Amino acid sequence: MRGKIIPFSEAVQKDSLVLVCFWSVTSDPSINELNAINKSYEKWKTAVPFKLLAVDVDEGNGTSRLRNTVNMYEWKFDVFSDINGDLRKILNSTKVPQALIIKKERVMYELSGFEPGTENYLLQKMQAIVSGKS
């Protein structure tokens, strides 16, 4: 969002818990998922230490709508753009919305699609991973 290219490895620390949410400005379920997470984001951060990376997968005209979308919904987390689709390829992401929970550079959990309430399931999975129960 700041016009700076950074590698994925720089955006996360090796030992941190990371929630990567692939989304698109043209996908209502994607935006609904991020809005649901945004509502509870501050509470989540106190419940479990994690970093959220919302990764826009739009190419072409979709990328021009990215900044407006983020500003309109006032998301409190970091938003990135995967313009060339490199991160999606590395993480084998093929759908939007798609959420991946990563710990120690390993995908621990993957969830495709969004229904109201599934954001709470993501929080429960992250808590289980941090406590070693997954």
C-alpha atoms as a PDB file:
ATOM      1  CA  MET A   1       0.000   0.000   0.000  1.00  0.00           C
ATOM      2  CA  ARG A   2       2.946   2.306   0.495  1.00  0.00           C
ATOM      3  CA  GLY A   3       4.363   1.696  -2.978  1.00  0.00           C
ATOM      4  CA  LYS A   4       7.275  -0.271  -1.590  1.00  0.00           C
ATOM      5  CA  ILE A   5       8.182  -3.788  -2.728  1.00  0.00           C
ATOM      6  CA  ILE A   6       9.128  -6.088   0.121  1.00  0.00           C
ATOM      7  CA  PRO A   7       9.771  -9.825   0.182  1.00  0.00           C
ATOM      8  CA  PHE A   8       7.358 -12.007   2.144  1.00  0.00           C
ATOM      9  CA  SER A   9      10.192 -13.038   4.463  1.00  0.00           C
ATOM     10  CA  GLU A  10      10.636  -9.386   5.455  1.00  0.00           C
ATOM     11  CA  ALA A  11       6.931  -8.918   6.183  1.00  0.00           C
ATOM     12  CA  VAL A  12       6.967 -11.719   8.762  1.00  0.00           C
ATOM     13  CA  GLN A  13       9.387 -12.969  11.359  1.00  0.00           C
ATOM     14  CA  LYS A  14      10.426 -16.602  11.135  1.00  0.00           C
ATOM     15  CA  ASP A  15       8.956 -17.584  14.503  1.00  0.00           C
ATOM     16  CA  SER A  16       5.803 -15.502  14.338  1.00  0.00           C
ATOM     17  CA  LEU A  17       2.272 -16.662  13.745  1.00  0.00           C
ATOM     18  CA  VAL A  18       0.929 -15.186  10.523  1.00  0.00           C
ATOM     19  CA  LEU A  19      -2.580 -15.070   9.112  1.00  0.00           C
ATOM     20  CA  VAL A  20      -2.464 -14.466   5.366  1.00  0.00           C
ATOM     21  CA  CYS A  21      -5.793 -13.561   3.792  1.00  0.00           C
ATOM     22  CA  PHE A  22      -5.853 -13.565   0.005  1.00  0.00           C
ATOM     23  CA  TRP A  23      -8.625 -11.322  -1.272  1.00  0.00           C
ATOM     24  CA  SER A  24      -9.866  -9.329  -4.261  1.00  0.00           C
ATOM     25  CA  VAL A  25     -11.634  -5.976  -4.568  1.00  0.00           C
ATOM     26  CA  THR A  26     -14.165  -7.700  -6.837  1.00  0.00           C
ATOM     27  CA  SER A  27     -14.989 -10.482  -4.368  1.00  0.00           C
ATOM     28  CA  ASP A  28     -17.756  -9.659  -1.889  1.00  0.00           C
ATOM     29  CA  PRO A  29     -16.941 -12.709   0.273  1.00  0.00           C
ATOM     30  CA  SER A  30     -13.327 -11.495   0.469  1.00  0.00           C
ATOM     31  CA  ILE A  31     -14.339  -8.052   1.630  1.00  0.00           C
ATOM     32  CA  ASN A  32     -16.898  -9.510   4.056  1.00  0.00           C
ATOM     33  CA  GLU A  33     -14.195 -11.705   5.594  1.00  0.00           C
ATOM     34  CA  LEU A  34     -11.786  -8.811   6.073  1.00  0.00           C
ATOM     35  CA  ASN A  35     -14.538  -6.586   7.476  1.00  0.00           C
ATOM     36  CA  ALA A  36     -15.456  -9.313   9.970  1.00  0.00           C
ATOM     37  CA  ILE A  37     -11.830  -9.697  11.027  1.00  0.00           C
ATOM     38  CA  ASN A  38     -11.417  -5.918  11.221  1.00  0.00           C
ATOM     39  CA  LYS A  39     -14.304  -5.628  13.716  1.00  0.00           C
ATOM     40  CA  SER A  40     -12.500  -7.870  16.204  1.00  0.00           C
ATOM     41  CA  TYR A  41      -8.901  -7.276  15.138  1.00  0.00           C
ATOM     42  CA  GLU A  42      -7.815  -5.421  18.297  1.00  0.00           C
ATOM     43  CA  LYS A  43      -9.368  -8.100  20.552  1.00  0.00           C
ATOM     44  CA  TRP A  44      -7.713 -10.834  18.503  1.00  0.00           C
ATOM     45  CA  LYS A  45      -4.305  -9.161  18.935  1.00  0.00           C
ATOM     46  CA  THR A  46      -4.666  -9.335  22.717  1.00  0.00           C
ATOM     47  CA  ALA A  47      -5.938 -12.931  22.619  1.00  0.00           C
ATOM     48  CA  VAL A  48      -3.144 -14.323  20.443  1.00  0.00           C
ATOM     49  CA  PRO A  49       0.092 -12.769  19.149  1.00  0.00           C
ATOM     50  CA  PHE A  50      -0.089 -12.840  15.358  1.00  0.00           C
ATOM     51  CA  LYS A  51       0.476 -10.756  12.273  1.00  0.00           C
ATOM     52  CA  LEU A  52      -2.229 -10.336   9.659  1.00  0.00           C
ATOM     53  CA  LEU A  53      -1.319  -9.821   6.023  1.00  0.00           C
ATOM     54  CA  ALA A  54      -4.271  -9.056   3.772  1.00  0.00           C
ATOM     55  CA  VAL A  55      -2.924  -9.786   0.292  1.00  0.00           C
ATOM     56  CA  ASP A  56      -4.825  -8.393  -2.677  1.00  0.00           C
ATOM     57  CA  VAL A  57      -4.544 -10.632  -5.739  1.00  0.00           C
ATOM     58  CA  ASP A  58      -6.002  -8.271  -8.332  1.00  0.00           C
ATOM     59  CA  GLU A  59      -4.184  -7.538 -11.536  1.00  0.00           C
ATOM     60  CA  GLY A  60      -4.782  -4.780 -14.053  1.00  0.00           C
ATOM     61  CA  ASN A  61      -7.735  -2.498 -13.289  1.00  0.00           C
ATOM     62  CA  GLY A  62      -8.420  -4.141  -9.929  1.00  0.00           C
ATOM     63  CA  THR A  63      -5.205  -2.813  -8.430  1.00  0.00           C
ATOM     64  CA  SER A  64      -6.333   0.777  -9.009  1.00  0.00           C
ATOM     65  CA  ARG A  65      -9.300   0.159  -6.663  1.00  0.00           C
ATOM     66  CA  LEU A  66      -7.167  -1.273  -3.868  1.00  0.00           C
ATOM     67  CA  ARG A  67      -6.341   1.921  -1.960  1.00  0.00           C
ATOM     68  CA  ASN A  68      -9.929   3.210  -2.172  1.00  0.00           C
ATOM     69  CA  THR A  69     -11.299  -0.091  -0.862  1.00  0.00           C
ATOM     70  CA  VAL A  70      -8.901  -0.177   2.096  1.00  0.00           C
ATOM     71  CA  ASN A  71      -9.626   3.449   2.984  1.00  0.00           C
ATOM     72  CA  MET A  72     -13.388   3.020   2.634  1.00  0.00           C
ATOM     73  CA  TYR A  73     -13.504   0.137   5.119  1.00  0.00           C
ATOM     74  CA  GLU A  74     -10.829   1.617   7.436  1.00  0.00           C
ATOM     75  CA  TRP A  75      -9.017  -1.679   7.901  1.00  0.00           C
ATOM     76  CA  LYS A  76      -6.578  -1.607  10.806  1.00  0.00           C
ATOM     77  CA  PHE A  77      -4.178  -4.253   9.497  1.00  0.00           C
ATOM     78  CA  ASP A  78      -1.450  -4.350   6.868  1.00  0.00           C
ATOM     79  CA  VAL A  79      -2.613  -4.685   3.267  1.00  0.00           C
ATOM     80  CA  PHE A  80      -0.335  -5.823   0.469  1.00  0.00           C
ATOM     81  CA  SER A  81      -0.702  -6.415  -3.242  1.00  0.00           C
ATOM     82  CA  ASP A  82       0.553  -9.567  -4.968  1.00  0.00           C
ATOM     83  CA  ILE A  83       0.532  -7.951  -8.404  1.00  0.00           C
ATOM     84  CA  ASN A  84       2.371 -10.732 -10.223  1.00  0.00           C
ATOM     85  CA  GLY A  85       0.833 -13.566  -8.207  1.00  0.00           C
ATOM     86  CA  ASP A  86       4.208 -14.750  -6.916  1.00  0.00           C
ATOM     87  CA  LEU A  87       3.134 -15.209  -3.288  1.00  0.00           C
ATOM     88  CA  ARG A  88      -0.031 -17.044  -4.318  1.00  0.00           C
ATOM     89  CA  LYS A  89       2.066 -19.461  -6.374  1.00  0.00           C
ATOM     90  CA  ILE A  90       4.510 -20.086  -3.536  1.00  0.00           C
ATOM     91  CA  LEU A  91       1.684 -20.734  -1.051  1.00  0.00           C
ATOM     92  CA  ASN A  92      -0.449 -22.709  -3.555  1.00  0.00           C
ATOM     93  CA  SER A  93      -3.402 -20.373  -3.175  1.00  0.00           C
ATOM     94  CA  THR A  94      -5.989 -20.738  -5.914  1.00  0.00           C
ATOM     95  CA  LYS A  95      -9.168 -19.201  -4.470  1.00  0.00           C
ATOM     96  CA  VAL A  96     -10.425 -16.004  -2.883  1.00  0.00           C
ATOM     97  CA  PRO A  97     -11.066 -15.541  -0.169  1.00  0.00           C
ATOM     98  CA  GLN A  98      -8.480 -17.904   1.185  1.00  0.00           C
ATOM     99  CA  ALA A  99      -6.909 -17.725   4.627  1.00  0.00           C
ATOM    100  CA  LEU A 100      -3.668 -19.447   5.582  1.00  0.00           C
ATOM    101  CA  ILE A 101      -2.264 -19.694   9.084  1.00  0.00           C
ATOM    102  CA  ILE A 102       1.518 -19.942   8.960  1.00  0.00           C
ATOM    103  CA  LYS A 103       3.915 -20.685  11.814  1.00  0.00           C
ATOM    104  CA  LYS A 104       7.659 -21.155  11.481  1.00  0.00           C
ATOM    105  CA  GLU A 105       7.423 -20.855   7.691  1.00  0.00           C
ATOM    106  CA  ARG A 106       4.926 -23.736   7.472  1.00  0.00           C
ATOM    107  CA  VAL A 107       1.247 -23.596   6.520  1.00  0.00           C
ATOM    108  CA  MET A 108      -0.552 -24.953   9.572  1.00  0.00           C
ATOM    109  CA  TYR A 109      -4.121 -24.414   8.418  1.00  0.00           C
ATOM    110  CA  GLU A 110      -5.983 -23.337   5.294  1.00  0.00           C
ATOM    111  CA  LEU A 111      -9.553 -22.119   4.858  1.00  0.00           C
ATOM    112  CA  SER A 112     -11.206 -21.266   1.535  1.00  0.00           C
ATOM    113  CA  GLY A 113     -14.401 -19.257   1.213  1.00  0.00           C
ATOM    114  CA  PHE A 114     -16.210 -17.225   3.816  1.00  0.00           C
ATOM    115  CA  GLU A 115     -19.431 -17.535   5.744  1.00  0.00           C
ATOM    116  CA  PRO A 116     -20.307 -15.282   8.684  1.00  0.00           C
ATOM    117  CA  GLY A 117     -18.702 -16.750  11.785  1.00  0.00           C
ATOM    118  CA  THR A 118     -15.774 -18.477  10.099  1.00  0.00           C
ATOM    119  CA  GLU A 119     -13.552 -15.609  11.205  1.00  0.00           C
ATOM    120  CA  ASN A 120     -14.052 -16.856  14.785  1.00  0.00           C
ATOM    121  CA  TYR A 121     -12.929 -20.299  13.701  1.00  0.00           C
ATOM    122  CA  LEU A 122      -9.692 -18.768  12.376  1.00  0.00           C
ATOM    123  CA  LEU A 123      -9.074 -17.203  15.786  1.00  0.00           C
ATOM    124  CA  GLN A 124      -9.724 -20.543  17.518  1.00  0.00           C
ATOM    125  CA  LYS A 125      -7.287 -22.294  15.159  1.00  0.00           C
ATOM    126  CA  MET A 126      -4.587 -19.686  15.833  1.00  0.00           C
ATOM    127  CA  GLN A 127      -5.081 -20.045  19.580  1.00  0.00           C
ATOM    128  CA  ALA A 128      -4.818 -23.834  19.270  1.00  0.00           C
ATOM    129  CA  ILE A 129      -1.611 -23.535  17.225  1.00  0.00           C
ATOM    130  CA  VAL A 130      -0.033 -21.142  19.733  1.00  0.00           C
ATOM    131  CA  SER A 131      -0.958 -23.426  22.647  1.00  0.00           C
ATOM    132  CA  GLY A 132       0.387 -26.477  20.797  1.00  0.00           C
ATOM    133  CA  LYS A 133      -3.007 -28.182  20.567  1.00  0.00           C
ATOM    134  CA  SER A 134      -3.198 -28.404  16.794  1.00  0.00           C
END
